[in-house]
Amino acid sequence: MRSKQKTLWLLISGLCLSGCSRPSRTAQLFSYDANDTFISSLFANIESKLSGYIDYKSYDGKRKQTIQNDDFISAIDDKSTSVVVMNTVDRFASSAIIEKGETKNVPIIFVNREPLMSDLLATDWSQENCFYVGANSSYEGILQGDIASEIFDGPSSYAHSVYDKNGDGIVQVAILKGEEGHQDSEQRSENCIAELRTLGYQVEILQISYCNWERETAKKMMESIYSDNIELLFANNDDMALGAIDYLKTISSLNSNLPFEREFFPIIGVDGTTQAMEAIQDGTLSGTVLNDGEKQAEVIFDIIKNILDGATLPDYDSNIEITKNAYHVLGEKITKNTH
């Protein structure tokens, strides 16, 4: 009799372990393009933090919102889906994504491509369950302008210096922009110029060209727009800055003893990628602004733990600005002198 009771207890225990165990939880990770240098690094940081904490699955939108939509609908219908990390192909798709998340009660953390705040706060549900984590792109633009000013040693020194090629006292600028409509493109481009003017420089914008964040596209664009009139080049990201450098290397004089930025003009990017750091050290890239993907991944992970397990969010320092549901991580200047 005792043996039968023991057998029955073991059977019940086994059923409870298999049937009463906590259901698996999955974080669904969506990138707009897994081949984007910064985005691939950001998501590698996110995956590293999630490893051992929760299952995750990654999706590549391949720059097509239709592909991302199909993957998202499939993932959101998966009953194990507990949270979504979303880097939209088109930031204006965020509203529909939030609506679908609400129907399934799945929280969404948007990254890099910022939804409209009106979408994040549209309903009581979204106010509790939708977030944005990314860079402070306006501040990054300001820091780009500061780097340029440090190179020029201030507006009074710039006039008729070796950097003022035509001696008119005006900085002739070209800008390589990421993509039309992306908040980082617009805010970085606007604020790098605004900062120069605030510091006292006269600025003339010679050319603004969209290169979709891509190195090869920027190389071809630089070939198209290059002229001796350019005195400064701002790029919205490092890949485009490096693409411009790739072209300039093809026309660089082998006999030139001038530093690269003197032979051509200073080139300043954003992100702080490994390749950019190497270019800063070899003197072809004048500077960049850190887009801190590691810190952004840390904040994303903190929010996920808060959502899923009620973990208290840390008290962040002043390098992270919080406005309602949006977390913006400040960058920092990187030049050969600071790196």
C-alpha atoms as a PDB file:
ATOM      1  CA  MET A   1       0.000   0.000   0.000  1.00  0.00           C
ATOM      2  CA  ARG A   2       2.789   2.395   0.923  1.00  0.00           C
ATOM      3  CA  SER A   3       4.495   1.602  -2.398  1.00  0.00           C
ATOM      4  CA  LYS A   4       1.313   2.478  -4.312  1.00  0.00           C
ATOM      5  CA  GLN A   5       0.955   5.745  -2.408  1.00  0.00           C
ATOM      6  CA  LYS A   6       4.563   6.618  -3.194  1.00  0.00           C
ATOM      7  CA  THR A   7       4.031   5.858  -6.881  1.00  0.00           C
ATOM      8  CA  LEU A   8       0.875   8.020  -6.945  1.00  0.00           C
ATOM      9  CA  TRP A   9       2.689  10.922  -5.259  1.00  0.00           C
ATOM     10  CA  LEU A  10       5.542  10.756  -7.758  1.00  0.00           C
ATOM     11  CA  LEU A  11       3.057  10.737 -10.636  1.00  0.00           C
ATOM     12  CA  ILE A  12       1.224  13.806  -9.276  1.00  0.00           C
ATOM     13  CA  SER A  13       4.544  15.584  -8.669  1.00  0.00           C
ATOM     14  CA  GLY A  14       5.675  14.849 -12.191  1.00  0.00           C
ATOM     15  CA  LEU A  15       2.437  16.140 -13.666  1.00  0.00           C
ATOM     16  CA  CYS A  16       2.720  19.324 -11.617  1.00  0.00           C
ATOM     17  CA  LEU A  17       6.308  19.889 -12.730  1.00  0.00           C
ATOM     18  CA  SER A  18       5.394  19.490 -16.383  1.00  0.00           C
ATOM     19  CA  GLY A  19       1.969  21.114 -16.331  1.00  0.00           C
ATOM     20  CA  CYS A  20       2.336  23.722 -13.607  1.00  0.00           C
ATOM     21  CA  SER A  21       5.768  25.035 -14.525  1.00  0.00           C
ATOM     22  CA  ARG A  22       6.182  28.651 -15.556  1.00  0.00           C
ATOM     23  CA  PRO A  23       5.489  29.014 -19.294  1.00  0.00           C
ATOM     24  CA  SER A  24       8.485  29.997 -21.438  1.00  0.00           C
ATOM     25  CA  ARG A  25       8.943  33.702 -22.102  1.00  0.00           C
ATOM     26  CA  THR A  26      10.346  35.117 -25.311  1.00  0.00           C
ATOM     27  CA  ALA A  27      11.632  38.563 -26.214  1.00  0.00           C
ATOM     28  CA  GLN A  28      11.084  39.302 -29.904  1.00  0.00           C
ATOM     29  CA  LEU A  29      13.810  41.576 -31.350  1.00  0.00           C
ATOM     30  CA  PHE A  30      13.228  43.485 -34.591  1.00  0.00           C
ATOM     31  CA  SER A  31      15.917  45.454 -36.449  1.00  0.00           C
ATOM     32  CA  TYR A  32      15.295  47.541 -39.540  1.00  0.00           C
ATOM     33  CA  ASP A  33      18.498  46.200 -41.140  1.00  0.00           C
ATOM     34  CA  ALA A  34      20.804  43.666 -39.503  1.00  0.00           C
ATOM     35  CA  ASN A  35      23.641  44.833 -41.767  1.00  0.00           C
ATOM     36  CA  ASP A  36      23.628  48.385 -40.396  1.00  0.00           C
ATOM     37  CA  THR A  37      26.889  48.721 -38.457  1.00  0.00           C
ATOM     38  CA  PHE A  38      25.498  50.569 -35.447  1.00  0.00           C
ATOM     39  CA  ILE A  39      22.231  48.613 -35.298  1.00  0.00           C
ATOM     40  CA  SER A  40      24.007  45.253 -35.457  1.00  0.00           C
ATOM     41  CA  SER A  41      26.243  46.348 -32.581  1.00  0.00           C
ATOM     42  CA  LEU A  42      23.274  47.624 -30.548  1.00  0.00           C
ATOM     43  CA  PHE A  43      21.341  44.381 -30.960  1.00  0.00           C
ATOM     44  CA  ALA A  44      24.412  42.298 -30.162  1.00  0.00           C
ATOM     45  CA  ASN A  45      24.587  44.205 -26.863  1.00  0.00           C
ATOM     46  CA  ILE A  46      20.886  43.590 -26.220  1.00  0.00           C
ATOM     47  CA  GLU A  47      21.189  39.877 -26.983  1.00  0.00           C
ATOM     48  CA  SER A  48      24.202  39.580 -24.714  1.00  0.00           C
ATOM     49  CA  LYS A  49      22.236  41.013 -21.795  1.00  0.00           C
ATOM     50  CA  LEU A  50      19.168  38.850 -22.477  1.00  0.00           C
ATOM     51  CA  SER A  51      21.200  35.652 -22.710  1.00  0.00           C
ATOM     52  CA  GLY A  52      20.526  33.543 -19.638  1.00  0.00           C
ATOM     53  CA  TYR A  53      17.618  35.758 -18.557  1.00  0.00           C
ATOM     54  CA  ILE A  54      14.982  35.113 -21.213  1.00  0.00           C
ATOM     55  CA  ASP A  55      14.671  33.382 -24.573  1.00  0.00           C
ATOM     56  CA  TYR A  56      14.858  35.726 -27.541  1.00  0.00           C
ATOM     57  CA  LYS A  57      14.407  35.626 -31.288  1.00  0.00           C
ATOM     58  CA  SER A  58      15.780  38.165 -33.753  1.00  0.00           C
ATOM     59  CA  TYR A  59      14.248  39.370 -37.016  1.00  0.00           C
ATOM     60  CA  ASP A  60      15.817  41.364 -39.859  1.00  0.00           C
ATOM     61  CA  GLY A  61      13.463  43.794 -41.594  1.00  0.00           C
ATOM     62  CA  LYS A  62      15.907  44.179 -44.518  1.00  0.00           C
ATOM     63  CA  ARG A  63      14.766  47.799 -44.856  1.00  0.00           C
ATOM     64  CA  LYS A  64      11.266  46.708 -45.879  1.00  0.00           C
ATOM     65  CA  GLN A  65       8.317  47.516 -43.621  1.00  0.00           C
ATOM     66  CA  THR A  66       6.242  44.777 -45.292  1.00  0.00           C
ATOM     67  CA  ILE A  67       8.773  42.127 -44.214  1.00  0.00           C
ATOM     68  CA  GLN A  68       8.851  43.528 -40.693  1.00  0.00           C
ATOM     69  CA  ASN A  69       5.050  43.664 -40.528  1.00  0.00           C
ATOM     70  CA  ASP A  70       4.732  39.980 -41.437  1.00  0.00           C
ATOM     71  CA  ASP A  71       7.376  38.950 -38.899  1.00  0.00           C
ATOM     72  CA  PHE A  72       5.809  41.127 -36.207  1.00  0.00           C
ATOM     73  CA  ILE A  73       2.299  39.719 -36.714  1.00  0.00           C
ATOM     74  CA  SER A  74       3.662  36.176 -36.511  1.00  0.00           C
ATOM     75  CA  ALA A  75       5.672  36.954 -33.375  1.00  0.00           C
ATOM     76  CA  ILE A  76       2.904  38.824 -31.576  1.00  0.00           C
ATOM     77  CA  ASP A  77       0.576  35.841 -32.082  1.00  0.00           C
ATOM     78  CA  ASP A  78       3.121  33.538 -30.389  1.00  0.00           C
ATOM     79  CA  LYS A  79       1.802  32.932 -26.874  1.00  0.00           C
ATOM     80  CA  SER A  80       5.323  32.867 -25.457  1.00  0.00           C
ATOM     81  CA  THR A  81       5.965  36.445 -26.589  1.00  0.00           C
ATOM     82  CA  SER A  82       6.404  38.546 -23.457  1.00  0.00           C
ATOM     83  CA  VAL A  83       8.018  41.716 -24.796  1.00  0.00           C
ATOM     84  CA  VAL A  84       8.951  43.230 -28.155  1.00  0.00           C
ATOM     85  CA  VAL A  85      12.064  45.328 -28.889  1.00  0.00           C
ATOM     86  CA  MET A  86      11.269  47.211 -32.093  1.00  0.00           C
ATOM     87  CA  ASN A  87      13.579  49.129 -34.429  1.00  0.00           C
ATOM     88  CA  THR A  88      11.030  50.016 -37.100  1.00  0.00           C
ATOM     89  CA  VAL A  89      11.856  50.304 -40.763  1.00  0.00           C
ATOM     90  CA  ASP A  90       9.436  53.233 -40.941  1.00  0.00           C
ATOM     91  CA  ARG A  91       8.987  55.111 -37.668  1.00  0.00           C
ATOM     92  CA  PHE A  92       5.470  56.099 -38.748  1.00  0.00           C
ATOM     93  CA  ALA A  93       4.474  52.426 -38.566  1.00  0.00           C
ATOM     94  CA  SER A  94       4.784  52.696 -34.775  1.00  0.00           C
ATOM     95  CA  SER A  95       1.136  53.606 -34.235  1.00  0.00           C
ATOM     96  CA  ALA A  96      -0.169  50.416 -35.881  1.00  0.00           C
ATOM     97  CA  ILE A  97       2.448  48.337 -34.032  1.00  0.00           C
ATOM     98  CA  ILE A  98       1.325  49.806 -30.700  1.00  0.00           C
ATOM     99  CA  GLU A  99      -2.326  49.056 -31.513  1.00  0.00           C
ATOM    100  CA  LYS A 100      -1.474  45.424 -32.287  1.00  0.00           C
ATOM    101  CA  GLY A 101       0.611  45.150 -29.120  1.00  0.00           C
ATOM    102  CA  GLU A 102      -2.326  46.404 -27.081  1.00  0.00           C
ATOM    103  CA  THR A 103      -4.684  43.782 -28.527  1.00  0.00           C
ATOM    104  CA  LYS A 104      -2.262  41.066 -27.344  1.00  0.00           C
ATOM    105  CA  ASN A 105      -1.190  42.913 -24.180  1.00  0.00           C
ATOM    106  CA  VAL A 106       2.503  42.657 -25.183  1.00  0.00           C
ATOM    107  CA  PRO A 107       4.731  45.583 -24.092  1.00  0.00           C
ATOM    108  CA  ILE A 108       6.885  47.238 -26.756  1.00  0.00           C
ATOM    109  CA  ILE A 109      10.239  48.996 -26.420  1.00  0.00           C
ATOM    110  CA  PHE A 110      11.069  51.052 -29.503  1.00  0.00           C
ATOM    111  CA  VAL A 111      14.749  51.691 -30.213  1.00  0.00           C
ATOM    112  CA  ASN A 112      16.703  54.061 -32.473  1.00  0.00           C
ATOM    113  CA  ARG A 113      13.682  55.176 -34.532  1.00  0.00           C
ATOM    114  CA  GLU A 114      11.551  57.261 -32.248  1.00  0.00           C
ATOM    115  CA  PRO A 115       7.757  57.076 -32.432  1.00  0.00           C
ATOM    116  CA  LEU A 116       5.745  60.228 -32.052  1.00  0.00           C
ATOM    117  CA  MET A 117       5.199  60.924 -28.364  1.00  0.00           C
ATOM    118  CA  SER A 118       1.481  61.170 -29.125  1.00  0.00           C
ATOM    119  CA  ASP A 119       1.597  57.502 -30.198  1.00  0.00           C
ATOM    120  CA  LEU A 120       3.551  56.386 -27.128  1.00  0.00           C
ATOM    121  CA  LEU A 121       1.026  58.103 -24.866  1.00  0.00           C
ATOM    122  CA  ALA A 122      -2.104  57.536 -26.948  1.00  0.00           C
ATOM    123  CA  THR A 123      -3.906  55.258 -24.475  1.00  0.00           C
ATOM    124  CA  ASP A 124      -3.693  54.233 -20.835  1.00  0.00           C
ATOM    125  CA  TRP A 125      -2.244  50.924 -22.017  1.00  0.00           C
ATOM    126  CA  SER A 126       0.495  52.498 -24.147  1.00  0.00           C
ATOM    127  CA  GLN A 127       1.437  54.859 -21.327  1.00  0.00           C
ATOM    128  CA  GLU A 128       2.105  51.823 -19.138  1.00  0.00           C
ATOM    129  CA  ASN A 129       3.562  49.476 -21.732  1.00  0.00           C
ATOM    130  CA  CYS A 130       5.329  51.376 -24.539  1.00  0.00           C
ATOM    131  CA  PHE A 131       8.777  52.964 -24.320  1.00  0.00           C
ATOM    132  CA  TYR A 132      11.513  54.489 -26.442  1.00  0.00           C
ATOM    133  CA  VAL A 133      15.269  54.156 -25.897  1.00  0.00           C
ATOM    134  CA  GLY A 134      17.745  55.936 -28.141  1.00  0.00           C
ATOM    135  CA  ALA A 135      20.295  58.689 -28.491  1.00  0.00           C
ATOM    136  CA  ASN A 136      19.851  62.399 -27.893  1.00  0.00           C
ATOM    137  CA  SER A 137      20.467  63.209 -31.547  1.00  0.00           C
ATOM    138  CA  SER A 138      20.172  66.981 -31.084  1.00  0.00           C
ATOM    139  CA  TYR A 139      22.990  66.879 -28.545  1.00  0.00           C
ATOM    140  CA  GLU A 140      25.054  64.681 -30.878  1.00  0.00           C
ATOM    141  CA  GLY A 141      24.745  67.363 -33.550  1.00  0.00           C
ATOM    142  CA  ILE A 142      25.854  70.017 -31.075  1.00  0.00           C
ATOM    143  CA  LEU A 143      28.917  67.941 -30.196  1.00  0.00           C
ATOM    144  CA  GLN A 144      29.760  67.564 -33.889  1.00  0.00           C
ATOM    145  CA  GLY A 145      29.787  71.352 -34.141  1.00  0.00           C
ATOM    146  CA  ASP A 146      31.978  71.581 -31.050  1.00  0.00           C
ATOM    147  CA  ILE A 147      34.503  69.156 -32.533  1.00  0.00           C
ATOM    148  CA  ALA A 148      34.711  71.266 -35.689  1.00  0.00           C
ATOM    149  CA  SER A 149      35.260  74.405 -33.626  1.00  0.00           C
ATOM    150  CA  GLU A 150      38.042  72.740 -31.662  1.00  0.00           C
ATOM    151  CA  ILE A 151      39.752  71.843 -34.942  1.00  0.00           C
ATOM    152  CA  PHE A 152      39.376  75.424 -36.194  1.00  0.00           C
ATOM    153  CA  ASP A 153      40.443  76.843 -32.807  1.00  0.00           C
ATOM    154  CA  GLY A 154      37.432  79.162 -32.651  1.00  0.00           C
ATOM    155  CA  PRO A 155      35.768  81.504 -35.163  1.00  0.00           C
ATOM    156  CA  SER A 156      38.357  84.274 -34.918  1.00  0.00           C
ATOM    157  CA  SER A 157      41.167  81.830 -35.669  1.00  0.00           C
ATOM    158  CA  TYR A 158      39.273  80.169 -38.508  1.00  0.00           C
ATOM    159  CA  ALA A 159      39.110  83.243 -40.718  1.00  0.00           C
ATOM    160  CA  HIS A 160      41.963  83.102 -43.229  1.00  0.00           C
ATOM    161  CA  SER A 161      43.433  79.992 -41.574  1.00  0.00           C
ATOM    162  CA  VAL A 162      44.619  76.953 -43.530  1.00  0.00           C
ATOM    163  CA  TYR A 163      41.093  75.552 -43.160  1.00  0.00           C
ATOM    164  CA  ASP A 164      39.513  78.631 -44.750  1.00  0.00           C
ATOM    165  CA  LYS A 165      40.527  77.658 -48.277  1.00  0.00           C
ATOM    166  CA  ASN A 166      39.079  80.661 -50.097  1.00  0.00           C
ATOM    167  CA  GLY A 167      39.887  83.172 -47.361  1.00  0.00           C
ATOM    168  CA  ASP A 168      36.321  84.484 -47.070  1.00  0.00           C
ATOM    169  CA  GLY A 169      35.925  83.762 -43.339  1.00  0.00           C
ATOM    170  CA  ILE A 170      32.876  81.570 -44.021  1.00  0.00           C
ATOM    171  CA  VAL A 171      32.797  77.800 -43.374  1.00  0.00           C
ATOM    172  CA  GLN A 172      31.599  76.042 -46.519  1.00  0.00           C
ATOM    173  CA  VAL A 173      29.905  72.840 -45.326  1.00  0.00           C
ATOM    174  CA  ALA A 174      28.621  69.636 -46.935  1.00  0.00           C
ATOM    175  CA  ILE A 175      26.334  67.260 -45.028  1.00  0.00           C
ATOM    176  CA  LEU A 176      25.776  63.553 -45.629  1.00  0.00           C
ATOM    177  CA  LYS A 177      22.379  62.702 -44.132  1.00  0.00           C
ATOM    178  CA  GLY A 178      21.111  59.304 -43.124  1.00  0.00           C
ATOM    179  CA  GLU A 179      17.608  59.128 -44.492  1.00  0.00           C
ATOM    180  CA  GLU A 180      14.687  61.420 -45.011  1.00  0.00           C
ATOM    181  CA  GLY A 181      12.282  61.524 -42.068  1.00  0.00           C
ATOM    182  CA  HIS A 182      14.557  59.838 -39.527  1.00  0.00           C
ATOM    183  CA  GLN A 183      14.719  61.991 -36.406  1.00  0.00           C
ATOM    184  CA  ASP A 184      18.462  61.404 -35.995  1.00  0.00           C
ATOM    185  CA  SER A 185      19.165  62.627 -39.531  1.00  0.00           C
ATOM    186  CA  GLU A 186      17.190  65.809 -39.106  1.00  0.00           C
ATOM    187  CA  GLN A 187      18.295  66.676 -35.585  1.00  0.00           C
ATOM    188  CA  ARG A 188      21.988  65.932 -36.073  1.00  0.00           C
ATOM    189  CA  SER A 189      22.069  67.933 -39.317  1.00  0.00           C
ATOM    190  CA  GLU A 190      20.193  70.905 -37.879  1.00  0.00           C
ATOM    191  CA  ASN A 191      22.161  71.147 -34.666  1.00  0.00           C
ATOM    192  CA  CYS A 192      25.698  70.746 -35.993  1.00  0.00           C
ATOM    193  CA  ILE A 193      25.126  73.827 -38.136  1.00  0.00           C
ATOM    194  CA  ALA A 194      23.222  75.680 -35.421  1.00  0.00           C
ATOM    195  CA  GLU A 195      26.056  75.101 -32.956  1.00  0.00           C
ATOM    196  CA  LEU A 196      28.661  76.532 -35.318  1.00  0.00           C
ATOM    197  CA  ARG A 197      26.528  79.637 -35.778  1.00  0.00           C
ATOM    198  CA  THR A 198      25.934  79.916 -32.033  1.00  0.00           C
ATOM    199  CA  LEU A 199      29.698  79.811 -31.507  1.00  0.00           C
ATOM    200  CA  GLY A 200      30.095  82.732 -33.912  1.00  0.00           C
ATOM    201  CA  TYR A 201      30.931  81.130 -37.263  1.00  0.00           C
ATOM    202  CA  GLN A 202      29.471  82.205 -40.549  1.00  0.00           C
ATOM    203  CA  VAL A 203      28.310  79.066 -42.340  1.00  0.00           C
ATOM    204  CA  GLU A 204      27.341  78.341 -45.919  1.00  0.00           C
ATOM    205  CA  ILE A 205      25.788  74.946 -46.678  1.00  0.00           C
ATOM    206  CA  LEU A 206      27.045  73.854 -50.084  1.00  0.00           C
ATOM    207  CA  GLN A 207      25.427  70.434 -50.297  1.00  0.00           C
ATOM    208  CA  ILE A 208      23.038  68.169 -48.401  1.00  0.00           C
ATOM    209  CA  SER A 209      22.875  64.588 -49.678  1.00  0.00           C
ATOM    210  CA  TYR A 210      20.992  61.559 -48.375  1.00  0.00           C
ATOM    211  CA  CYS A 211      23.071  58.380 -48.232  1.00  0.00           C
ATOM    212  CA  ASN A 212      20.760  56.098 -46.193  1.00  0.00           C
ATOM    213  CA  TRP A 213      23.406  55.452 -43.523  1.00  0.00           C
ATOM    214  CA  GLU A 214      25.424  53.376 -46.037  1.00  0.00           C
ATOM    215  CA  ARG A 215      29.176  53.512 -46.579  1.00  0.00           C
ATOM    216  CA  GLU A 216      29.145  52.539 -50.242  1.00  0.00           C
ATOM    217  CA  THR A 217      26.347  54.989 -51.042  1.00  0.00           C
ATOM    218  CA  ALA A 218      28.336  57.769 -49.356  1.00  0.00           C
ATOM    219  CA  LYS A 219      31.450  56.872 -51.336  1.00  0.00           C
ATOM    220  CA  LYS A 220      29.539  57.245 -54.600  1.00  0.00           C
ATOM    221  CA  MET A 221      27.878  60.435 -53.378  1.00  0.00           C
ATOM    222  CA  MET A 222      31.219  61.949 -52.397  1.00  0.00           C
ATOM    223  CA  GLU A 223      32.507  61.287 -55.900  1.00  0.00           C
ATOM    224  CA  SER A 224      29.476  63.160 -57.225  1.00  0.00           C
ATOM    225  CA  ILE A 225      29.565  66.194 -54.924  1.00  0.00           C
ATOM    226  CA  TYR A 226      33.297  66.621 -54.250  1.00  0.00           C
ATOM    227  CA  SER A 227      34.775  70.016 -54.939  1.00  0.00           C
ATOM    228  CA  ASP A 228      37.662  72.127 -53.672  1.00  0.00           C
ATOM    229  CA  ASN A 229      35.074  74.493 -52.183  1.00  0.00           C
ATOM    230  CA  ILE A 230      34.153  72.127 -49.333  1.00  0.00           C
ATOM    231  CA  GLU A 231      35.838  73.146 -46.068  1.00  0.00           C
ATOM    232  CA  LEU A 232      34.017  70.839 -43.624  1.00  0.00           C
ATOM    233  CA  LEU A 233      31.995  67.634 -43.927  1.00  0.00           C
ATOM    234  CA  PHE A 234      29.441  66.487 -41.357  1.00  0.00           C
ATOM    235  CA  ALA A 235      28.073  62.949 -41.687  1.00  0.00           C
ATOM    236  CA  ASN A 236      25.076  61.711 -39.707  1.00  0.00           C
ATOM    237  CA  ASN A 237      26.901  58.448 -38.977  1.00  0.00           C
ATOM    238  CA  ASP A 238      30.377  56.962 -39.146  1.00  0.00           C
ATOM    239  CA  ASP A 239      29.683  54.611 -42.043  1.00  0.00           C
ATOM    240  CA  MET A 240      28.871  57.567 -44.302  1.00  0.00           C
ATOM    241  CA  ALA A 241      31.900  59.477 -43.045  1.00  0.00           C
ATOM    242  CA  LEU A 242      34.067  56.474 -43.847  1.00  0.00           C
ATOM    243  CA  GLY A 243      32.470  56.180 -47.274  1.00  0.00           C
ATOM    244  CA  ALA A 244      33.466  59.779 -48.007  1.00  0.00           C
ATOM    245  CA  ILE A 245      37.000  58.970 -46.853  1.00  0.00           C
ATOM    246  CA  ASP A 246      37.049  55.899 -49.109  1.00  0.00           C
ATOM    247  CA  TYR A 247      36.501  58.140 -52.126  1.00  0.00           C
ATOM    248  CA  LEU A 248      38.940  60.834 -51.025  1.00  0.00           C
ATOM    249  CA  LYS A 249      41.659  58.216 -50.652  1.00  0.00           C
ATOM    250  CA  THR A 250      41.300  57.432 -54.354  1.00  0.00           C
ATOM    251  CA  ILE A 251      42.198  61.020 -55.275  1.00  0.00           C
ATOM    252  CA  SER A 252      44.681  61.703 -52.490  1.00  0.00           C
ATOM    253  CA  SER A 253      48.113  62.774 -53.692  1.00  0.00           C
ATOM    254  CA  LEU A 254      50.757  60.223 -52.870  1.00  0.00           C
ATOM    255  CA  ASN A 255      53.235  63.073 -52.604  1.00  0.00           C
ATOM    256  CA  SER A 256      51.178  65.131 -50.164  1.00  0.00           C
ATOM    257  CA  ASN A 257      52.828  65.691 -46.819  1.00  0.00           C
ATOM    258  CA  LEU A 258      49.717  67.340 -45.414  1.00  0.00           C
ATOM    259  CA  PRO A 259      47.488  65.695 -42.811  1.00  0.00           C
ATOM    260  CA  PHE A 260      44.367  64.223 -44.434  1.00  0.00           C
ATOM    261  CA  GLU A 261      42.038  66.907 -43.041  1.00  0.00           C
ATOM    262  CA  ARG A 262      44.366  69.594 -44.418  1.00  0.00           C
ATOM    263  CA  GLU A 263      44.685  67.955 -47.825  1.00  0.00           C
ATOM    264  CA  PHE A 264      40.887  67.846 -48.046  1.00  0.00           C
ATOM    265  CA  PHE A 265      38.768  69.036 -45.071  1.00  0.00           C
ATOM    266  CA  PRO A 266      37.773  67.841 -41.587  1.00  0.00           C
ATOM    267  CA  ILE A 267      35.253  64.986 -41.590  1.00  0.00           C
ATOM    268  CA  ILE A 268      33.138  64.390 -38.489  1.00  0.00           C
ATOM    269  CA  GLY A 269      30.750  61.473 -37.921  1.00  0.00           C
ATOM    270  CA  VAL A 270      28.515  59.969 -35.250  1.00  0.00           C
ATOM    271  CA  ASP A 271      28.429  56.538 -33.580  1.00  0.00           C
ATOM    272  CA  GLY A 272      31.933  55.703 -32.402  1.00  0.00           C
ATOM    273  CA  THR A 273      32.181  52.406 -34.285  1.00  0.00           C
ATOM    274  CA  THR A 274      35.328  50.301 -34.222  1.00  0.00           C
ATOM    275  CA  GLN A 275      36.103  51.281 -37.812  1.00  0.00           C
ATOM    276  CA  ALA A 276      35.674  54.967 -36.948  1.00  0.00           C
ATOM    277  CA  MET A 277      38.086  54.671 -34.032  1.00  0.00           C
ATOM    278  CA  GLU A 278      40.676  53.181 -36.381  1.00  0.00           C
ATOM    279  CA  ALA A 279      40.125  56.031 -38.859  1.00  0.00           C
ATOM    280  CA  ILE A 280      40.594  58.593 -36.090  1.00  0.00           C
ATOM    281  CA  GLN A 281      43.880  56.977 -35.144  1.00  0.00           C
ATOM    282  CA  ASP A 282      45.145  56.931 -38.728  1.00  0.00           C
ATOM    283  CA  GLY A 283      44.191  60.592 -39.145  1.00  0.00           C
ATOM    284  CA  THR A 284      41.556  60.309 -41.874  1.00  0.00           C
ATOM    285  CA  LEU A 285      38.514  60.871 -39.641  1.00  0.00           C
ATOM    286  CA  SER A 286      38.775  64.078 -37.620  1.00  0.00           C
ATOM    287  CA  GLY A 287      36.281  63.084 -34.954  1.00  0.00           C
ATOM    288  CA  THR A 288      33.014  61.392 -34.083  1.00  0.00           C
ATOM    289  CA  VAL A 289      30.366  61.461 -31.375  1.00  0.00           C
ATOM    290  CA  LEU A 290      29.697  58.339 -29.352  1.00  0.00           C
ATOM    291  CA  ASN A 291      26.238  56.880 -29.903  1.00  0.00           C
ATOM    292  CA  ASP A 292      26.359  54.720 -26.793  1.00  0.00           C
ATOM    293  CA  GLY A 293      24.756  51.435 -27.860  1.00  0.00           C
ATOM    294  CA  GLU A 294      26.057  49.643 -24.790  1.00  0.00           C
ATOM    295  CA  LYS A 295      24.350  52.098 -22.449  1.00  0.00           C
ATOM    296  CA  GLN A 296      21.166  52.002 -24.537  1.00  0.00           C
ATOM    297  CA  ALA A 297      21.139  48.192 -24.333  1.00  0.00           C
ATOM    298  CA  GLU A 298      21.548  48.452 -20.562  1.00  0.00           C
ATOM    299  CA  VAL A 299      18.498  50.715 -20.282  1.00  0.00           C
ATOM    300  CA  ILE A 300      16.475  48.424 -22.557  1.00  0.00           C
ATOM    301  CA  PHE A 301      17.371  45.462 -20.364  1.00  0.00           C
ATOM    302  CA  ASP A 302      16.424  47.384 -17.213  1.00  0.00           C
ATOM    303  CA  ILE A 303      13.012  48.166 -18.710  1.00  0.00           C
ATOM    304  CA  ILE A 304      12.474  44.535 -19.726  1.00  0.00           C
ATOM    305  CA  LYS A 305      13.246  43.346 -16.185  1.00  0.00           C
ATOM    306  CA  ASN A 306      10.871  45.985 -14.830  1.00  0.00           C
ATOM    307  CA  ILE A 307       8.101  44.879 -17.200  1.00  0.00           C
ATOM    308  CA  LEU A 308       8.478  41.144 -16.687  1.00  0.00           C
ATOM    309  CA  ASP A 309       9.583  40.837 -13.070  1.00  0.00           C
ATOM    310  CA  GLY A 310       8.798  44.178 -11.482  1.00  0.00           C
ATOM    311  CA  ALA A 311      12.489  44.990 -10.943  1.00  0.00           C
ATOM    312  CA  THR A 312      12.993  48.588  -9.856  1.00  0.00           C
ATOM    313  CA  LEU A 313      14.511  50.834 -12.487  1.00  0.00           C
ATOM    314  CA  PRO A 314      17.830  52.306 -11.354  1.00  0.00           C
ATOM    315  CA  ASP A 315      18.383  55.999 -10.723  1.00  0.00           C
ATOM    316  CA  TYR A 316      20.212  56.963 -13.898  1.00  0.00           C
ATOM    317  CA  ASP A 317      22.845  59.667 -13.969  1.00  0.00           C
ATOM    318  CA  SER A 318      22.603  62.893 -15.943  1.00  0.00           C
ATOM    319  CA  ASN A 319      23.833  61.181 -19.124  1.00  0.00           C
ATOM    320  CA  ILE A 320      20.367  59.660 -19.531  1.00  0.00           C
ATOM    321  CA  GLU A 321      17.473  62.062 -20.038  1.00  0.00           C
ATOM    322  CA  ILE A 322      14.003  60.731 -19.255  1.00  0.00           C
ATOM    323  CA  THR A 323      10.920  62.415 -20.683  1.00  0.00           C
ATOM    324  CA  LYS A 324       7.749  60.487 -19.890  1.00  0.00           C
ATOM    325  CA  ASN A 325       8.288  57.100 -21.627  1.00  0.00           C
ATOM    326  CA  ALA A 326      11.377  58.116 -23.615  1.00  0.00           C
ATOM    327  CA  TYR A 327      14.967  57.509 -22.520  1.00  0.00           C
ATOM    328  CA  HIS A 328      17.644  59.482 -24.397  1.00  0.00           C
ATOM    329  CA  VAL A 329      21.302  58.622 -23.852  1.00  0.00           C
ATOM    330  CA  LEU A 330      23.760  61.496 -24.272  1.00  0.00           C
ATOM    331  CA  GLY A 331      26.841  61.075 -26.429  1.00  0.00           C
ATOM    332  CA  GLU A 332      30.390  62.314 -25.993  1.00  0.00           C
ATOM    333  CA  LYS A 333      33.054  63.747 -28.271  1.00  0.00           C
ATOM    334  CA  ILE A 334      35.758  61.450 -29.590  1.00  0.00           C
ATOM    335  CA  THR A 335      38.874  62.777 -31.281  1.00  0.00           C
ATOM    336  CA  LYS A 336      42.466  61.628 -31.437  1.00  0.00           C
ATOM    337  CA  ASN A 337      43.160  63.752 -28.362  1.00  0.00           C
ATOM    338  CA  THR A 338      40.330  62.218 -26.311  1.00  0.00           C
ATOM    339  CA  HIS A 339      40.508  58.586 -27.448  1.00  0.00           C
END
